[in-house]
Each structure stands twice: as C-alpha cells, then as structure tokens.
Amino acid sequence: MAGDIIYADIKTDGAFSLGNSSSLQKSVSFNSSTAHKSCPSKDWRLHGGKCYWVAEANKSWHESKNDCAMKNSHLMVIRDFIDMSFLWKHLNTGVFYWIGLTIPPGGESWTWVDNNPFDSHLFSIEEKWRTRSMKCAQVSQIR
C-alpha cells in the first residue's frame, strides 16, 4: 500500500433535490495512513502522492462517510491545488460528488471531516442547499 487515499461521492442524475439526495449520491475517498508510491488496489487512482477511490454506488453523505471509514479512508478533504486538480482531471462534468466538508452539530462554520477548518481562499461555497437537516457539501465541475 502507498499514497494517501481519498474517497468522493457522486450524484448521477445531474439535478439536485433535497428530497431524494440521500439515494442519489456516490463518493470519492482519501486514506492518509499510507504514504508510498502505490495504492491498495487497481480500483484506487494515484494522483499527487495520494490514492483516490471514486465510488460507483449511490449513497447519502453519511453512508459515504461510513463507507470511507470501512476502507480506512475518509471523504475527500481539499487542501491544495493538487487535490483540486484530481477533481477536475478525473471526475465527470455535471456530476455531483460528496466531499468531506460539513457543519458539525451545533456548529456555525464549515469543517473538514479531519477536524480542520475550511479555507475559503481555495474555493467558495454556495450556501443555497444548506438547511437545518443538511449541512454537508458536494462538489461539481461546471464547464
């Protein structure tokens, strides 16, 4: 095993609906426990020294987070241009992907699943989908 491992969740129908979002998402995963030059299996993609997994199953954000944990990884945390470049290079345009960004219960600010704060200088967040019951993030490449 090698590289850091990343996981993301993908929405396949191209249209977002809060009512059925839990059944329409897939994922992208990250594992930081490995730091070499290869990934656990051919299903993982090595990029910038990290291993990324793009899930094919439709899952909710919480199901994706748990799936990542089962793979010894976590939902993708975007730290720098290398992480962003994986998204733009390997993920489909017009498809939504769950990432490891959430507002914790009782919290007011966005936090990554690894407990680091969100850096708004890297990219901005559109708040229109934020509700009391849904405080998680997805990313989509728009061209």
C-alpha atoms as a PDB file:
ATOM      1  CA  MET A   1       0.000   0.000   0.000  1.00  0.00           C
ATOM      2  CA  ALA A   2       1.049   3.581  -0.582  1.00  0.00           C
ATOM      3  CA  GLY A   3      -0.009   7.166  -1.122  1.00  0.00           C
ATOM      4  CA  ASP A   4      -2.693   8.989   0.825  1.00  0.00           C
ATOM      5  CA  ILE A   5      -6.126   7.590  -0.011  1.00  0.00           C
ATOM      6  CA  ILE A   6      -9.144   9.773  -0.989  1.00  0.00           C
ATOM      7  CA  TYR A   7     -12.878   8.999  -1.482  1.00  0.00           C
ATOM      8  CA  ALA A   8     -15.764  11.070  -3.065  1.00  0.00           C
ATOM      9  CA  ASP A   9     -19.492  10.585  -3.519  1.00  0.00           C
ATOM     10  CA  ILE A  10     -21.115  11.210  -6.926  1.00  0.00           C
ATOM     11  CA  LYS A  11     -24.615  12.307  -7.869  1.00  0.00           C
ATOM     12  CA  THR A  12     -25.572  10.672 -11.153  1.00  0.00           C
ATOM     13  CA  ASP A  13     -28.722  12.367 -12.421  1.00  0.00           C
ATOM     14  CA  GLY A  14     -27.369  15.922 -12.819  1.00  0.00           C
ATOM     15  CA  ALA A  15     -30.273  17.546 -10.932  1.00  0.00           C
ATOM     16  CA  PHE A  16     -30.144  18.221  -7.193  1.00  0.00           C
ATOM     17  CA  SER A  17     -33.143  17.591  -4.997  1.00  0.00           C
ATOM     18  CA  LEU A  18     -33.068  17.771  -1.206  1.00  0.00           C
ATOM     19  CA  GLY A  19     -35.934  15.292  -1.056  1.00  0.00           C
ATOM     20  CA  ASN A  20     -34.046  12.397  -2.594  1.00  0.00           C
ATOM     21  CA  SER A  21     -30.401  13.404  -2.184  1.00  0.00           C
ATOM     22  CA  SER A  22     -29.676  10.524   0.198  1.00  0.00           C
ATOM     23  CA  SER A  23     -30.321   7.975  -2.561  1.00  0.00           C
ATOM     24  CA  LEU A  24     -28.616   9.770  -5.451  1.00  0.00           C
ATOM     25  CA  GLN A  25     -25.003  10.244  -4.368  1.00  0.00           C
ATOM     26  CA  LYS A  26     -21.788   8.326  -4.968  1.00  0.00           C
ATOM     27  CA  SER A  27     -18.367   9.033  -3.333  1.00  0.00           C
ATOM     28  CA  VAL A  28     -14.537   9.943  -3.574  1.00  0.00           C
ATOM     29  CA  SER A  29     -12.303   8.667  -0.713  1.00  0.00           C
ATOM     30  CA  PHE A  30      -8.929   9.588   0.833  1.00  0.00           C
ATOM     31  CA  ASN A  31      -6.632   7.467   3.027  1.00  0.00           C
ATOM     32  CA  SER A  32      -3.752   9.229   4.768  1.00  0.00           C
ATOM     33  CA  SER A  33      -2.446   6.128   6.534  1.00  0.00           C
ATOM     34  CA  THR A  34      -0.356   5.151   3.514  1.00  0.00           C
ATOM     35  CA  ALA A  35       2.366   7.400   2.137  1.00  0.00           C
ATOM     36  CA  HIS A  36       4.226   5.470  -0.541  1.00  0.00           C
ATOM     37  CA  LYS A  37       4.032   5.370  -4.343  1.00  0.00           C
ATOM     38  CA  SER A  38       1.313   2.766  -4.910  1.00  0.00           C
ATOM     39  CA  CYS A  39      -2.324   2.317  -3.896  1.00  0.00           C
ATOM     40  CA  PRO A  40      -4.091  -0.584  -2.125  1.00  0.00           C
ATOM     41  CA  SER A  41      -5.577  -1.966  -5.362  1.00  0.00           C
ATOM     42  CA  LYS A  42      -6.129  -1.140  -9.024  1.00  0.00           C
ATOM     43  CA  ASP A  43      -9.503   0.402  -8.088  1.00  0.00           C
ATOM     44  CA  TRP A  44      -7.690   3.310  -6.411  1.00  0.00           C
ATOM     45  CA  ARG A  45      -6.194   6.157  -8.504  1.00  0.00           C
ATOM     46  CA  LEU A  46      -2.789   7.586  -7.575  1.00  0.00           C
ATOM     47  CA  HIS A  47      -2.581  11.365  -8.017  1.00  0.00           C
ATOM     48  CA  GLY A  48      -0.114  13.776  -6.418  1.00  0.00           C
ATOM     49  CA  GLY A  49       1.139  11.145  -3.957  1.00  0.00           C
ATOM     50  CA  LYS A  50      -2.393  10.323  -2.758  1.00  0.00           C
ATOM     51  CA  CYS A  51      -4.695   7.413  -3.560  1.00  0.00           C
ATOM     52  CA  TYR A  52      -8.259   8.279  -4.586  1.00  0.00           C
ATOM     53  CA  TRP A  53     -11.287   5.979  -4.795  1.00  0.00           C
ATOM     54  CA  VAL A  54     -14.334   7.051  -6.800  1.00  0.00           C
ATOM     55  CA  ALA A  55     -17.358   5.024  -5.673  1.00  0.00           C
ATOM     56  CA  GLU A  56     -19.982   3.821  -8.123  1.00  0.00           C
ATOM     57  CA  ALA A  57     -22.787   3.167  -5.607  1.00  0.00           C
ATOM     58  CA  ASN A  58     -25.391   5.835  -4.817  1.00  0.00           C
ATOM     59  CA  LYS A  59     -25.246   6.753  -1.120  1.00  0.00           C
ATOM     60  CA  SER A  60     -26.062   9.532   1.309  1.00  0.00           C
ATOM     61  CA  TRP A  61     -23.270  11.711   2.699  1.00  0.00           C
ATOM     62  CA  HIS A  62     -23.312   9.752   5.990  1.00  0.00           C
ATOM     63  CA  GLU A  63     -23.309   6.387   4.200  1.00  0.00           C
ATOM     64  CA  SER A  64     -20.381   7.577   2.097  1.00  0.00           C
ATOM     65  CA  LYS A  65     -18.529   8.762   5.193  1.00  0.00           C
ATOM     66  CA  ASN A  66     -19.055   5.329   6.786  1.00  0.00           C
ATOM     67  CA  ASP A  67     -18.017   3.543   3.572  1.00  0.00           C
ATOM     68  CA  CYS A  68     -14.782   5.524   3.612  1.00  0.00           C
ATOM     69  CA  ALA A  69     -14.126   4.534   7.223  1.00  0.00           C
ATOM     70  CA  MET A  70     -14.562   0.868   6.224  1.00  0.00           C
ATOM     71  CA  LYS A  71     -11.847   1.453   3.597  1.00  0.00           C
ATOM     72  CA  ASN A  72      -9.507   3.031   6.177  1.00  0.00           C
ATOM     73  CA  SER A  73     -10.044   6.388   4.482  1.00  0.00           C
ATOM     74  CA  HIS A  74     -12.235   9.487   4.708  1.00  0.00           C
ATOM     75  CA  LEU A  75     -14.274  11.651   2.368  1.00  0.00           C
ATOM     76  CA  MET A  76     -12.055  13.913   0.321  1.00  0.00           C
ATOM     77  CA  VAL A  77     -10.509  16.899   2.086  1.00  0.00           C
ATOM     78  CA  ILE A  78      -9.407  19.550  -0.401  1.00  0.00           C
ATOM     79  CA  ARG A  79      -6.231  21.188   0.901  1.00  0.00           C
ATOM     80  CA  ASP A  80      -4.467  22.493  -2.171  1.00  0.00           C
ATOM     81  CA  PHE A  81      -4.294  22.726  -5.949  1.00  0.00           C
ATOM     82  CA  ILE A  82      -3.141  19.091  -6.225  1.00  0.00           C
ATOM     83  CA  ASP A  83      -6.384  17.921  -4.596  1.00  0.00           C
ATOM     84  CA  MET A  84      -8.426  20.257  -6.804  1.00  0.00           C
ATOM     85  CA  SER A  85      -6.590  19.058  -9.918  1.00  0.00           C
ATOM     86  CA  PHE A  86      -7.637  15.457  -9.183  1.00  0.00           C
ATOM     87  CA  LEU A  87     -11.256  16.565  -9.168  1.00  0.00           C
ATOM     88  CA  TRP A  88     -11.004  18.423 -12.455  1.00  0.00           C
ATOM     89  CA  LYS A  89      -8.917  15.729 -14.150  1.00  0.00           C
ATOM     90  CA  HIS A  90     -10.749  12.561 -13.074  1.00  0.00           C
ATOM     91  CA  LEU A  91     -14.348  13.432 -12.222  1.00  0.00           C
ATOM     92  CA  ASN A  92     -17.199  13.878 -14.675  1.00  0.00           C
ATOM     93  CA  THR A  93     -18.507  17.327 -15.554  1.00  0.00           C
ATOM     94  CA  GLY A  94     -22.069  17.938 -14.402  1.00  0.00           C
ATOM     95  CA  VAL A  95     -21.966  15.163 -11.783  1.00  0.00           C
ATOM     96  CA  PHE A  96     -22.071  15.950  -8.059  1.00  0.00           C
ATOM     97  CA  TYR A  97     -19.525  14.427  -5.650  1.00  0.00           C
ATOM     98  CA  TRP A  98     -19.742  14.282  -1.865  1.00  0.00           C
ATOM     99  CA  ILE A  99     -16.662  15.691  -0.156  1.00  0.00           C
ATOM    100  CA  GLY A 100     -15.601  15.660   3.492  1.00  0.00           C
ATOM    101  CA  LEU A 101     -16.923  19.107   4.354  1.00  0.00           C
ATOM    102  CA  THR A 102     -19.673  19.589   6.937  1.00  0.00           C
ATOM    103  CA  ILE A 103     -21.040  21.893   9.596  1.00  0.00           C
ATOM    104  CA  PRO A 104     -20.853  19.870  12.824  1.00  0.00           C
ATOM    105  CA  PRO A 105     -23.964  19.639  15.046  1.00  0.00           C
ATOM    106  CA  GLY A 106     -24.294  22.906  16.931  1.00  0.00           C
ATOM    107  CA  GLY A 107     -21.602  24.482  14.757  1.00  0.00           C
ATOM    108  CA  GLU A 108     -21.811  27.515  12.510  1.00  0.00           C
ATOM    109  CA  SER A 109     -18.747  27.150  10.282  1.00  0.00           C
ATOM    110  CA  TRP A 110     -17.687  24.595   7.671  1.00  0.00           C
ATOM    111  CA  THR A 111     -15.202  21.992   8.931  1.00  0.00           C
ATOM    112  CA  TRP A 112     -13.439  19.114   7.157  1.00  0.00           C
ATOM    113  CA  VAL A 113     -14.018  15.544   8.374  1.00  0.00           C
ATOM    114  CA  ASP A 114     -10.422  15.550   9.677  1.00  0.00           C
ATOM    115  CA  ASN A 115     -11.472  18.456  12.000  1.00  0.00           C
ATOM    116  CA  ASN A 116      -9.509  21.134  10.140  1.00  0.00           C
ATOM    117  CA  PRO A 117     -11.293  24.411   9.324  1.00  0.00           C
ATOM    118  CA  PHE A 118     -12.356  25.208   5.765  1.00  0.00           C
ATOM    119  CA  ASP A 119     -10.085  27.682   3.913  1.00  0.00           C
ATOM    120  CA  SER A 120     -12.336  29.907   1.807  1.00  0.00           C
ATOM    121  CA  HIS A 121      -9.334  31.065  -0.253  1.00  0.00           C
ATOM    122  CA  LEU A 122      -9.214  27.708  -2.070  1.00  0.00           C
ATOM    123  CA  PHE A 123     -12.812  27.777  -3.328  1.00  0.00           C
ATOM    124  CA  SER A 124     -16.142  29.280  -2.338  1.00  0.00           C
ATOM    125  CA  ILE A 125     -19.239  27.529  -1.038  1.00  0.00           C
ATOM    126  CA  GLU A 126     -22.684  28.212  -2.425  1.00  0.00           C
ATOM    127  CA  GLU A 127     -24.986  28.163   0.591  1.00  0.00           C
ATOM    128  CA  LYS A 128     -28.316  27.663  -1.200  1.00  0.00           C
ATOM    129  CA  TRP A 129     -28.553  23.964  -0.252  1.00  0.00           C
ATOM    130  CA  ARG A 130     -27.816  24.494   3.449  1.00  0.00           C
ATOM    131  CA  THR A 131     -30.754  23.546   5.672  1.00  0.00           C
ATOM    132  CA  ARG A 132     -31.155  22.627   9.332  1.00  0.00           C
ATOM    133  CA  SER A 133     -31.143  18.936   8.440  1.00  0.00           C
ATOM    134  CA  MET A 134     -28.488  19.010   5.689  1.00  0.00           C
ATOM    135  CA  LYS A 135     -25.119  20.564   6.396  1.00  0.00           C
ATOM    136  CA  CYS A 136     -22.757  18.616   4.183  1.00  0.00           C
ATOM    137  CA  ALA A 137     -21.002  19.538   0.946  1.00  0.00           C
ATOM    138  CA  GLN A 138     -20.769  18.266  -2.600  1.00  0.00           C
ATOM    139  CA  VAL A 139     -18.688  19.496  -5.492  1.00  0.00           C
ATOM    140  CA  SER A 140     -19.401  19.573  -9.217  1.00  0.00           C
ATOM    141  CA  GLN A 141     -17.252  20.757 -12.099  1.00  0.00           C
ATOM    142  CA  ILE A 142     -19.074  23.227 -14.321  1.00  0.00           C
ATOM    143  CA  ARG A 143     -17.710  23.964 -17.786  1.00  0.00           C
END
